[in-house]
């Protein structure tokens, strides 16, 4: 078997990406502190045609060399906005009729393996701080919560891994 060269992958150019039809998903980063996680979420959002990313609170914004290190240029393709307060971003999304899902372990969480995307719904998935998770005030404003089943000793996944799993599953259900 032979690895494919980058020019054989038929990837979109940045102008083509900007014109491409996106899936009706917004990613919200609620006070994410790791620049590498932020960059990874940009790259994953590019891979799965996410509409845009909202960077909130202490979440850093491009341009930054440590975001770029993992984003590998996805900060140029994926639309993003910064909000000083995550609550403000959620209110904007609610006014735009997004279904708000905190990716967080709650008493009422829907397990990712049971989650079924509705094609006529626009979703906003909120990923939180690496230690504290999604803020309780944001969970309180959410329409539902989503979690990923885990079976080891740890209580959570790295947010870039979590975002990759959630965004792939949503893309898979919408596009494949």
C-alpha atoms as a PDB file:
ATOM      1  CA  UNK A   1       0.000   0.000   0.000  1.00  0.00           C
ATOM      2  CA  UNK A   2       1.204   3.502  -0.859  1.00  0.00           C
ATOM      3  CA  UNK A   3       0.597   6.664   1.135  1.00  0.00           C
ATOM      4  CA  UNK A   4      -1.124   9.377  -0.848  1.00  0.00           C
ATOM      5  CA  UNK A   5       0.706  12.626  -1.460  1.00  0.00           C
ATOM      6  CA  UNK A   6      -1.015  15.806  -0.300  1.00  0.00           C
ATOM      7  CA  UNK A   7      -1.794  16.812  -3.895  1.00  0.00           C
ATOM      8  CA  UNK A   8      -3.671  13.502  -4.348  1.00  0.00           C
ATOM      9  CA  UNK A   9      -6.083  14.200  -1.473  1.00  0.00           C
ATOM     10  CA  UNK A  10      -8.261  16.624  -3.472  1.00  0.00           C
ATOM     11  CA  UNK A  11      -8.648  19.059  -0.580  1.00  0.00           C
ATOM     12  CA  UNK A  12     -10.386  22.382  -0.987  1.00  0.00           C
ATOM     13  CA  UNK A  13      -8.440  25.602  -1.308  1.00  0.00           C
ATOM     14  CA  UNK A  14      -9.252  28.256   1.296  1.00  0.00           C
ATOM     15  CA  UNK A  15     -11.463  30.210  -1.159  1.00  0.00           C
ATOM     16  CA  UNK A  16     -13.250  26.962  -2.110  1.00  0.00           C
ATOM     17  CA  UNK A  17     -13.714  26.108   1.576  1.00  0.00           C
ATOM     18  CA  UNK A  18     -15.225  29.517   2.281  1.00  0.00           C
ATOM     19  CA  UNK A  19     -17.763  28.966  -0.534  1.00  0.00           C
ATOM     20  CA  UNK A  20     -18.504  25.329   0.376  1.00  0.00           C
ATOM     21  CA  UNK A  21     -21.767  24.401   2.049  1.00  0.00           C
ATOM     22  CA  UNK A  22     -21.129  23.962   5.761  1.00  0.00           C
ATOM     23  CA  UNK A  23     -22.985  21.736   8.171  1.00  0.00           C
ATOM     24  CA  UNK A  24     -25.327  23.723  10.465  1.00  0.00           C
ATOM     25  CA  UNK A  25     -23.007  23.511  13.470  1.00  0.00           C
ATOM     26  CA  UNK A  26     -21.285  26.157  15.552  1.00  0.00           C
ATOM     27  CA  UNK A  27     -18.546  25.237  18.015  1.00  0.00           C
ATOM     28  CA  UNK A  28     -18.354  27.308  21.207  1.00  0.00           C
ATOM     29  CA  UNK A  29     -15.163  27.218  23.257  1.00  0.00           C
ATOM     30  CA  UNK A  30     -16.034  28.261  26.816  1.00  0.00           C
ATOM     31  CA  UNK A  31     -12.866  29.480  28.530  1.00  0.00           C
ATOM     32  CA  UNK A  32     -10.523  26.935  26.944  1.00  0.00           C
ATOM     33  CA  UNK A  33      -7.006  27.725  28.118  1.00  0.00           C
ATOM     34  CA  UNK A  34      -4.794  25.475  25.964  1.00  0.00           C
ATOM     35  CA  UNK A  35      -3.661  27.073  22.734  1.00  0.00           C
ATOM     36  CA  UNK A  36      -2.966  23.608  21.323  1.00  0.00           C
ATOM     37  CA  UNK A  37      -6.563  22.558  22.043  1.00  0.00           C
ATOM     38  CA  UNK A  38      -7.855  25.691  20.342  1.00  0.00           C
ATOM     39  CA  UNK A  39      -5.730  25.006  17.269  1.00  0.00           C
ATOM     40  CA  UNK A  40      -6.844  21.380  17.172  1.00  0.00           C
ATOM     41  CA  UNK A  41     -10.504  22.415  17.291  1.00  0.00           C
ATOM     42  CA  UNK A  42      -9.892  24.761  14.345  1.00  0.00           C
ATOM     43  CA  UNK A  43      -8.314  21.943  12.360  1.00  0.00           C
ATOM     44  CA  UNK A  44     -11.126  19.515  13.184  1.00  0.00           C
ATOM     45  CA  UNK A  45     -13.721  22.174  12.330  1.00  0.00           C
ATOM     46  CA  UNK A  46     -12.058  22.615   8.939  1.00  0.00           C
ATOM     47  CA  UNK A  47     -12.063  18.847   8.343  1.00  0.00           C
ATOM     48  CA  UNK A  48     -15.797  18.515   8.987  1.00  0.00           C
ATOM     49  CA  UNK A  49     -17.065  21.758   7.374  1.00  0.00           C
ATOM     50  CA  UNK A  50     -18.199  23.394  10.617  1.00  0.00           C
ATOM     51  CA  UNK A  51     -19.959  26.723  10.053  1.00  0.00           C
ATOM     52  CA  UNK A  52     -17.957  28.717  12.619  1.00  0.00           C
ATOM     53  CA  UNK A  53     -16.247  28.775  15.991  1.00  0.00           C
ATOM     54  CA  UNK A  54     -17.045  31.159  18.831  1.00  0.00           C
ATOM     55  CA  UNK A  55     -14.066  31.786  21.110  1.00  0.00           C
ATOM     56  CA  UNK A  56     -15.226  32.949  24.533  1.00  0.00           C
ATOM     57  CA  UNK A  57     -13.788  34.303  27.767  1.00  0.00           C
ATOM     58  CA  UNK A  58     -10.130  33.392  28.324  1.00  0.00           C
ATOM     59  CA  UNK A  59     -10.011  31.386  25.084  1.00  0.00           C
ATOM     60  CA  UNK A  60      -7.178  32.869  23.018  1.00  0.00           C
ATOM     61  CA  UNK A  61      -7.721  34.074  19.471  1.00  0.00           C
ATOM     62  CA  UNK A  62      -5.662  33.879  16.293  1.00  0.00           C
ATOM     63  CA  UNK A  63      -3.168  34.880  15.232  1.00  0.00           C
ATOM     64  CA  UNK A  64      -0.973  33.081  17.737  1.00  0.00           C
ATOM     65  CA  UNK A  65       1.965  30.813  16.991  1.00  0.00           C
ATOM     66  CA  UNK A  66       0.822  28.105  19.435  1.00  0.00           C
ATOM     67  CA  UNK A  67      -2.683  28.019  17.937  1.00  0.00           C
ATOM     68  CA  UNK A  68      -1.174  27.923  14.463  1.00  0.00           C
ATOM     69  CA  UNK A  69       1.110  25.029  15.458  1.00  0.00           C
ATOM     70  CA  UNK A  70      -1.876  22.653  15.673  1.00  0.00           C
ATOM     71  CA  UNK A  71      -4.363  24.489  13.428  1.00  0.00           C
ATOM     72  CA  UNK A  72      -1.951  24.327  10.464  1.00  0.00           C
ATOM     73  CA  UNK A  73      -3.746  27.138   8.641  1.00  0.00           C
ATOM     74  CA  UNK A  74      -7.335  26.280   9.634  1.00  0.00           C
ATOM     75  CA  UNK A  75      -7.624  29.678  11.341  1.00  0.00           C
ATOM     76  CA  UNK A  76      -7.633  31.090   7.800  1.00  0.00           C
ATOM     77  CA  UNK A  77     -10.403  28.802   6.520  1.00  0.00           C
ATOM     78  CA  UNK A  78     -12.815  28.487   9.458  1.00  0.00           C
ATOM     79  CA  UNK A  79     -14.828  31.572  10.350  1.00  0.00           C
ATOM     80  CA  UNK A  80     -14.493  32.605  13.996  1.00  0.00           C
ATOM     81  CA  UNK A  81     -15.627  35.316  16.376  1.00  0.00           C
ATOM     82  CA  UNK A  82     -14.576  36.313  19.863  1.00  0.00           C
ATOM     83  CA  UNK A  83     -16.979  37.007  22.740  1.00  0.00           C
ATOM     84  CA  UNK A  84     -15.630  38.231  26.101  1.00  0.00           C
ATOM     85  CA  UNK A  85     -18.516  36.433  27.819  1.00  0.00           C
ATOM     86  CA  UNK A  86     -19.833  32.992  26.845  1.00  0.00           C
ATOM     87  CA  UNK A  87     -23.323  33.967  28.050  1.00  0.00           C
ATOM     88  CA  UNK A  88     -23.423  36.699  25.416  1.00  0.00           C
ATOM     89  CA  UNK A  89     -22.472  34.200  22.691  1.00  0.00           C
ATOM     90  CA  UNK A  90     -25.180  31.763  23.817  1.00  0.00           C
ATOM     91  CA  UNK A  91     -27.815  34.508  23.762  1.00  0.00           C
ATOM     92  CA  UNK A  92     -26.814  35.397  20.183  1.00  0.00           C
ATOM     93  CA  UNK A  93     -27.053  31.725  19.156  1.00  0.00           C
ATOM     94  CA  UNK A  94     -30.464  31.347  20.802  1.00  0.00           C
ATOM     95  CA  UNK A  95     -31.681  34.391  18.856  1.00  0.00           C
ATOM     96  CA  UNK A  96     -30.432  32.639  15.700  1.00  0.00           C
ATOM     97  CA  UNK A  97     -32.502  29.550  16.657  1.00  0.00           C
ATOM     98  CA  UNK A  98     -29.607  27.230  17.456  1.00  0.00           C
ATOM     99  CA  UNK A  99     -30.188  24.190  19.656  1.00  0.00           C
ATOM    100  CA  UNK A 100     -27.574  24.627  22.397  1.00  0.00           C
ATOM    101  CA  UNK A 101     -25.785  21.487  23.587  1.00  0.00           C
ATOM    102  CA  UNK A 102     -23.258  21.588  26.397  1.00  0.00           C
ATOM    103  CA  UNK A 103     -20.762  18.769  25.940  1.00  0.00           C
ATOM    104  CA  UNK A 104     -20.700  17.976  29.615  1.00  0.00           C
ATOM    105  CA  UNK A 105     -21.546  15.222  32.071  1.00  0.00           C
ATOM    106  CA  UNK A 106     -24.885  16.079  33.664  1.00  0.00           C
ATOM    107  CA  UNK A 107     -27.670  14.091  35.280  1.00  0.00           C
ATOM    108  CA  UNK A 108     -29.626  14.377  32.011  1.00  0.00           C
ATOM    109  CA  UNK A 109     -26.817  13.954  29.452  1.00  0.00           C
ATOM    110  CA  UNK A 110     -27.493  12.194  26.169  1.00  0.00           C
ATOM    111  CA  UNK A 111     -24.792   9.672  25.413  1.00  0.00           C
ATOM    112  CA  UNK A 112     -23.047  10.332  22.092  1.00  0.00           C
ATOM    113  CA  UNK A 113     -23.850   6.788  20.958  1.00  0.00           C
ATOM    114  CA  UNK A 114     -27.580   7.521  21.457  1.00  0.00           C
ATOM    115  CA  UNK A 115     -27.569  11.025  19.981  1.00  0.00           C
ATOM    116  CA  UNK A 116     -29.482  11.391  16.702  1.00  0.00           C
ATOM    117  CA  UNK A 117     -28.991  14.562  14.687  1.00  0.00           C
ATOM    118  CA  UNK A 118     -32.144  16.178  13.338  1.00  0.00           C
ATOM    119  CA  UNK A 119     -31.505  17.513   9.835  1.00  0.00           C
ATOM    120  CA  UNK A 120     -33.765  20.530  10.291  1.00  0.00           C
ATOM    121  CA  UNK A 121     -31.987  21.751  13.442  1.00  0.00           C
ATOM    122  CA  UNK A 122     -28.987  24.061  13.765  1.00  0.00           C
ATOM    123  CA  UNK A 123     -26.695  22.975  16.597  1.00  0.00           C
ATOM    124  CA  UNK A 124     -24.200  24.757  18.823  1.00  0.00           C
ATOM    125  CA  UNK A 125     -21.865  22.461  20.758  1.00  0.00           C
ATOM    126  CA  UNK A 126     -20.127  23.986  23.770  1.00  0.00           C
ATOM    127  CA  UNK A 127     -16.775  22.613  24.898  1.00  0.00           C
ATOM    128  CA  UNK A 128     -15.423  23.871  28.206  1.00  0.00           C
ATOM    129  CA  UNK A 129     -12.379  24.593  30.282  1.00  0.00           C
ATOM    130  CA  UNK A 130      -9.918  21.712  30.563  1.00  0.00           C
ATOM    131  CA  UNK A 131     -10.348  21.376  34.342  1.00  0.00           C
ATOM    132  CA  UNK A 132     -13.746  22.895  35.179  1.00  0.00           C
ATOM    133  CA  UNK A 133     -15.627  21.943  32.000  1.00  0.00           C
ATOM    134  CA  UNK A 134     -18.542  23.981  30.699  1.00  0.00           C
ATOM    135  CA  UNK A 135     -19.580  26.622  33.231  1.00  0.00           C
ATOM    136  CA  UNK A 136     -22.732  25.814  35.207  1.00  0.00           C
ATOM    137  CA  UNK A 137     -24.320  29.100  34.090  1.00  0.00           C
ATOM    138  CA  UNK A 138     -23.841  27.964  30.483  1.00  0.00           C
ATOM    139  CA  UNK A 139     -25.157  24.460  31.239  1.00  0.00           C
ATOM    140  CA  UNK A 140     -28.230  26.144  32.745  1.00  0.00           C
ATOM    141  CA  UNK A 141     -28.869  27.980  29.440  1.00  0.00           C
ATOM    142  CA  UNK A 142     -28.323  24.891  27.301  1.00  0.00           C
ATOM    143  CA  UNK A 143     -31.172  22.976  25.701  1.00  0.00           C
ATOM    144  CA  UNK A 144     -29.475  19.619  26.345  1.00  0.00           C
ATOM    145  CA  UNK A 145     -26.142  18.096  27.283  1.00  0.00           C
ATOM    146  CA  UNK A 146     -24.116  15.477  25.493  1.00  0.00           C
ATOM    147  CA  UNK A 147     -21.442  13.182  26.892  1.00  0.00           C
ATOM    148  CA  UNK A 148     -19.107  10.502  25.594  1.00  0.00           C
ATOM    149  CA  UNK A 149     -19.206   7.141  27.372  1.00  0.00           C
ATOM    150  CA  UNK A 150     -15.929   6.334  29.131  1.00  0.00           C
ATOM    151  CA  UNK A 151     -14.896   3.157  30.874  1.00  0.00           C
ATOM    152  CA  UNK A 152     -11.488   3.801  32.447  1.00  0.00           C
ATOM    153  CA  UNK A 153     -10.367   5.654  35.550  1.00  0.00           C
ATOM    154  CA  UNK A 154     -10.419   9.210  34.164  1.00  0.00           C
ATOM    155  CA  UNK A 155     -13.454  11.458  34.360  1.00  0.00           C
ATOM    156  CA  UNK A 156     -12.983  13.303  31.092  1.00  0.00           C
ATOM    157  CA  UNK A 157     -11.296  13.437  27.701  1.00  0.00           C
ATOM    158  CA  UNK A 158      -9.021  16.147  26.354  1.00  0.00           C
ATOM    159  CA  UNK A 159     -11.298  18.710  24.718  1.00  0.00           C
ATOM    160  CA  UNK A 160      -9.662  18.383  21.312  1.00  0.00           C
ATOM    161  CA  UNK A 161     -10.300  14.611  21.381  1.00  0.00           C
ATOM    162  CA  UNK A 162     -13.852  15.182  22.624  1.00  0.00           C
ATOM    163  CA  UNK A 163     -14.522  17.773  19.915  1.00  0.00           C
ATOM    164  CA  UNK A 164     -13.146  15.440  17.268  1.00  0.00           C
ATOM    165  CA  UNK A 165     -15.459  12.630  18.330  1.00  0.00           C
ATOM    166  CA  UNK A 166     -18.562  14.812  18.590  1.00  0.00           C
ATOM    167  CA  UNK A 167     -17.983  16.738  15.358  1.00  0.00           C
ATOM    168  CA  UNK A 168     -17.199  13.573  13.390  1.00  0.00           C
ATOM    169  CA  UNK A 169     -20.387  11.905  14.635  1.00  0.00           C
ATOM    170  CA  UNK A 170     -22.516  14.927  13.733  1.00  0.00           C
ATOM    171  CA  UNK A 171     -20.863  15.230  10.297  1.00  0.00           C
ATOM    172  CA  UNK A 172     -21.264  11.482   9.719  1.00  0.00           C
ATOM    173  CA  UNK A 173     -24.964  11.614  10.471  1.00  0.00           C
ATOM    174  CA  UNK A 174     -25.538  14.684   8.281  1.00  0.00           C
ATOM    175  CA  UNK A 175     -23.327  13.947   5.275  1.00  0.00           C
ATOM    176  CA  UNK A 176     -22.611  10.242   4.937  1.00  0.00           C
END
